[in-house]
N, C-alpha and C. Protein backbone atom coordinates (compact mmCIF):
# COMPACT_ATOMS: atom_id res chain seq x y z
N MET A 1 -140.30 20.68 -112.42
CA MET A 1 -141.65 21.11 -112.72
C MET A 1 -141.80 22.57 -112.28
N MET A 2 -142.33 23.37 -113.13
CA MET A 2 -142.49 24.79 -112.83
C MET A 2 -143.81 25.04 -112.11
N ARG A 3 -143.72 25.75 -111.01
CA ARG A 3 -144.91 26.08 -110.24
C ARG A 3 -145.49 27.39 -110.76
N THR A 4 -146.79 27.38 -111.00
CA THR A 4 -147.47 28.61 -111.37
C THR A 4 -148.35 29.03 -110.21
N ILE A 5 -148.28 30.28 -109.86
CA ILE A 5 -149.08 30.77 -108.75
C ILE A 5 -150.46 31.10 -109.29
N PRO A 6 -151.48 30.38 -108.80
CA PRO A 6 -152.83 30.62 -109.30
C PRO A 6 -153.37 31.97 -108.83
N SER A 7 -154.18 32.58 -109.64
CA SER A 7 -154.83 33.82 -109.23
C SER A 7 -155.78 33.51 -108.08
N GLN A 8 -156.15 34.54 -107.34
CA GLN A 8 -157.09 34.33 -106.24
C GLN A 8 -158.41 33.76 -106.75
N ASP A 9 -158.82 34.22 -107.93
CA ASP A 9 -160.07 33.74 -108.51
C ASP A 9 -159.96 32.25 -108.86
N ALA A 10 -158.84 31.87 -109.48
CA ALA A 10 -158.65 30.47 -109.85
C ALA A 10 -158.58 29.59 -108.61
N ARG A 11 -157.86 30.05 -107.59
CA ARG A 11 -157.76 29.27 -106.36
C ARG A 11 -159.14 29.14 -105.70
N ALA A 12 -159.90 30.23 -105.68
CA ALA A 12 -161.24 30.18 -105.08
C ALA A 12 -162.13 29.19 -105.82
N LYS A 13 -162.03 29.15 -107.14
CA LYS A 13 -162.83 28.21 -107.93
C LYS A 13 -162.43 26.77 -107.61
N HIS A 14 -161.12 26.53 -107.50
CA HIS A 14 -160.66 25.18 -107.14
C HIS A 14 -161.11 24.80 -105.74
N GLU A 15 -161.00 25.74 -104.80
CA GLU A 15 -161.42 25.45 -103.43
C GLU A 15 -162.91 25.11 -103.38
N GLU A 16 -163.72 25.84 -104.13
CA GLU A 16 -165.15 25.57 -104.17
C GLU A 16 -165.43 24.20 -104.79
N ALA A 17 -164.71 23.87 -105.84
CA ALA A 17 -164.88 22.56 -106.48
C ALA A 17 -164.50 21.45 -105.50
N PHE A 18 -163.41 21.63 -104.77
CA PHE A 18 -163.02 20.64 -103.76
C PHE A 18 -164.09 20.54 -102.67
N ARG A 19 -164.60 21.69 -102.21
CA ARG A 19 -165.61 21.69 -101.15
C ARG A 19 -166.84 20.89 -101.59
N GLN A 20 -167.28 21.12 -102.81
CA GLN A 20 -168.47 20.42 -103.31
C GLN A 20 -168.21 18.92 -103.48
N SER A 21 -167.07 18.59 -104.05
CA SER A 21 -166.78 17.17 -104.28
C SER A 21 -166.55 16.44 -102.95
N GLU A 22 -165.89 17.10 -101.99
CA GLU A 22 -165.69 16.47 -100.69
C GLU A 22 -167.04 16.24 -99.99
N GLY A 23 -167.94 17.20 -100.12
CA GLY A 23 -169.27 17.03 -99.53
C GLY A 23 -170.02 15.87 -100.15
N SER A 24 -169.90 15.74 -101.45
CA SER A 24 -170.57 14.64 -102.15
C SER A 24 -170.02 13.29 -101.70
N VAL A 25 -168.72 13.19 -101.58
CA VAL A 25 -168.10 11.94 -101.15
C VAL A 25 -168.47 11.63 -99.69
N ARG A 26 -168.53 12.67 -98.86
CA ARG A 26 -168.91 12.45 -97.46
C ARG A 26 -170.34 11.90 -97.35
N LEU A 27 -171.21 12.32 -98.26
CA LEU A 27 -172.57 11.77 -98.25
C LEU A 27 -172.57 10.26 -98.49
N GLU A 28 -171.53 9.78 -99.14
CA GLU A 28 -171.38 8.34 -99.39
C GLU A 28 -170.71 7.64 -98.21
N GLY A 29 -170.33 8.43 -97.18
CA GLY A 29 -169.74 7.83 -95.99
C GLY A 29 -168.22 7.78 -95.96
N ILE A 30 -167.59 8.49 -96.87
CA ILE A 30 -166.13 8.50 -96.93
C ILE A 30 -165.65 9.94 -96.80
N ASP A 31 -164.66 10.15 -95.93
CA ASP A 31 -164.07 11.48 -95.81
C ASP A 31 -162.74 11.48 -96.55
N PRO A 32 -162.66 12.18 -97.68
CA PRO A 32 -161.43 12.16 -98.46
C PRO A 32 -160.23 12.70 -97.69
N LEU A 33 -160.48 13.54 -96.69
CA LEU A 33 -159.38 14.09 -95.91
C LEU A 33 -158.72 13.03 -95.02
N ASP A 34 -159.32 11.86 -94.93
CA ASP A 34 -158.71 10.74 -94.19
C ASP A 34 -157.57 10.11 -94.99
N PHE A 35 -157.41 10.49 -96.25
CA PHE A 35 -156.41 9.89 -97.12
C PHE A 35 -155.26 10.87 -97.37
N PRO A 36 -154.07 10.56 -96.85
CA PRO A 36 -152.94 11.49 -97.00
C PRO A 36 -152.62 11.84 -98.46
N VAL A 37 -152.73 10.89 -99.37
CA VAL A 37 -152.42 11.18 -100.77
C VAL A 37 -153.40 12.22 -101.32
N TYR A 38 -154.65 12.15 -100.91
CA TYR A 38 -155.64 13.13 -101.35
C TYR A 38 -155.27 14.52 -100.83
N ARG A 39 -154.94 14.59 -99.54
CA ARG A 39 -154.59 15.89 -98.95
C ARG A 39 -153.37 16.49 -99.64
N GLU A 40 -152.38 15.64 -99.93
CA GLU A 40 -151.16 16.12 -100.60
C GLU A 40 -151.47 16.64 -102.00
N LEU A 41 -152.20 15.87 -102.77
CA LEU A 41 -152.50 16.29 -104.14
C LEU A 41 -153.40 17.53 -104.16
N LYS A 42 -154.33 17.61 -103.24
CA LYS A 42 -155.20 18.78 -103.16
C LYS A 42 -154.36 20.03 -102.92
N GLU A 43 -153.43 19.98 -101.98
CA GLU A 43 -152.59 21.13 -101.68
C GLU A 43 -151.70 21.48 -102.87
N ARG A 44 -151.20 20.48 -103.55
CA ARG A 44 -150.35 20.73 -104.73
C ARG A 44 -151.15 21.40 -105.85
N ILE A 45 -152.41 21.00 -106.01
CA ILE A 45 -153.27 21.64 -107.00
C ILE A 45 -153.55 23.08 -106.60
N LEU A 46 -153.95 23.28 -105.34
CA LEU A 46 -154.30 24.62 -104.88
C LEU A 46 -153.11 25.58 -104.92
N SER A 47 -151.91 25.05 -104.72
CA SER A 47 -150.72 25.90 -104.73
C SER A 47 -150.23 26.20 -106.14
N GLY A 48 -150.79 25.49 -107.13
CA GLY A 48 -150.38 25.70 -108.52
C GLY A 48 -149.21 24.83 -108.94
N GLU A 49 -148.77 23.92 -108.08
CA GLU A 49 -147.65 23.06 -108.40
C GLU A 49 -148.00 22.07 -109.51
N ILE A 50 -149.23 21.55 -109.46
CA ILE A 50 -149.69 20.61 -110.49
C ILE A 50 -151.13 20.96 -110.87
N THR A 51 -151.55 20.45 -112.01
CA THR A 51 -152.93 20.62 -112.45
C THR A 51 -153.75 19.42 -111.97
N SER A 52 -155.05 19.53 -112.08
CA SER A 52 -155.90 18.40 -111.70
C SER A 52 -155.66 17.21 -112.63
N ASP A 53 -155.36 17.47 -113.89
CA ASP A 53 -155.03 16.38 -114.82
C ASP A 53 -153.75 15.67 -114.38
N GLN A 54 -152.76 16.43 -113.94
CA GLN A 54 -151.52 15.82 -113.47
C GLN A 54 -151.77 15.00 -112.20
N ALA A 55 -152.63 15.50 -111.32
CA ALA A 55 -152.97 14.75 -110.10
C ALA A 55 -153.63 13.43 -110.47
N THR A 56 -154.51 13.46 -111.45
CA THR A 56 -155.16 12.23 -111.91
C THR A 56 -154.12 11.25 -112.43
N ASP A 57 -153.17 11.74 -113.23
CA ASP A 57 -152.11 10.88 -113.76
C ASP A 57 -151.27 10.27 -112.64
N ILE A 58 -150.97 11.07 -111.61
CA ILE A 58 -150.19 10.58 -110.47
C ILE A 58 -150.95 9.46 -109.76
N LEU A 59 -152.24 9.68 -109.52
CA LEU A 59 -153.04 8.65 -108.85
C LEU A 59 -153.15 7.37 -109.68
N LEU A 60 -153.40 7.53 -110.96
CA LEU A 60 -153.51 6.35 -111.82
C LEU A 60 -152.21 5.57 -111.86
N ALA A 61 -151.10 6.27 -111.97
CA ALA A 61 -149.79 5.60 -112.00
C ALA A 61 -149.52 4.89 -110.68
N GLN A 62 -149.82 5.56 -109.58
CA GLN A 62 -149.58 4.98 -108.26
C GLN A 62 -150.39 3.71 -108.07
N TYR A 63 -151.68 3.77 -108.36
CA TYR A 63 -152.53 2.61 -108.12
C TYR A 63 -152.38 1.54 -109.18
N THR A 64 -152.04 1.91 -110.39
CA THR A 64 -151.76 0.92 -111.42
C THR A 64 -150.52 0.12 -111.05
N ASN A 65 -149.47 0.83 -110.60
CA ASN A 65 -148.24 0.16 -110.19
C ASN A 65 -148.48 -0.72 -108.96
N ALA A 66 -149.29 -0.25 -108.02
CA ALA A 66 -149.59 -1.03 -106.81
C ALA A 66 -150.34 -2.31 -107.18
N ASN A 67 -151.29 -2.20 -108.11
CA ASN A 67 -152.06 -3.38 -108.54
C ASN A 67 -151.20 -4.37 -109.30
N GLN A 68 -150.27 -3.88 -110.10
CA GLN A 68 -149.39 -4.76 -110.85
C GLN A 68 -148.42 -5.49 -109.93
N THR A 69 -147.97 -4.81 -108.89
CA THR A 69 -147.07 -5.41 -107.92
C THR A 69 -147.78 -6.48 -107.10
N ALA A 70 -149.04 -6.24 -106.79
CA ALA A 70 -149.82 -7.18 -105.98
C ALA A 70 -150.19 -8.44 -106.76
N ALA A 71 -150.24 -8.34 -108.08
CA ALA A 71 -150.69 -9.47 -108.91
C ALA A 71 -149.63 -10.52 -109.08
């Protein structure tokens, strides 16, 4: 997978989006930073290694596989 280095502006926009979404989730009583997979995917997005769409695909695959194994 090819890493693209995000511009400072793009990274700042992503960081702001994360800040807002994390705040919203915390209002519900959950701190997303308590979840290692979240922290890993967030850093991979911010570093330009993956896109947010790819992170979504990774999460869906991980939890879909976990649910199928548990069934």
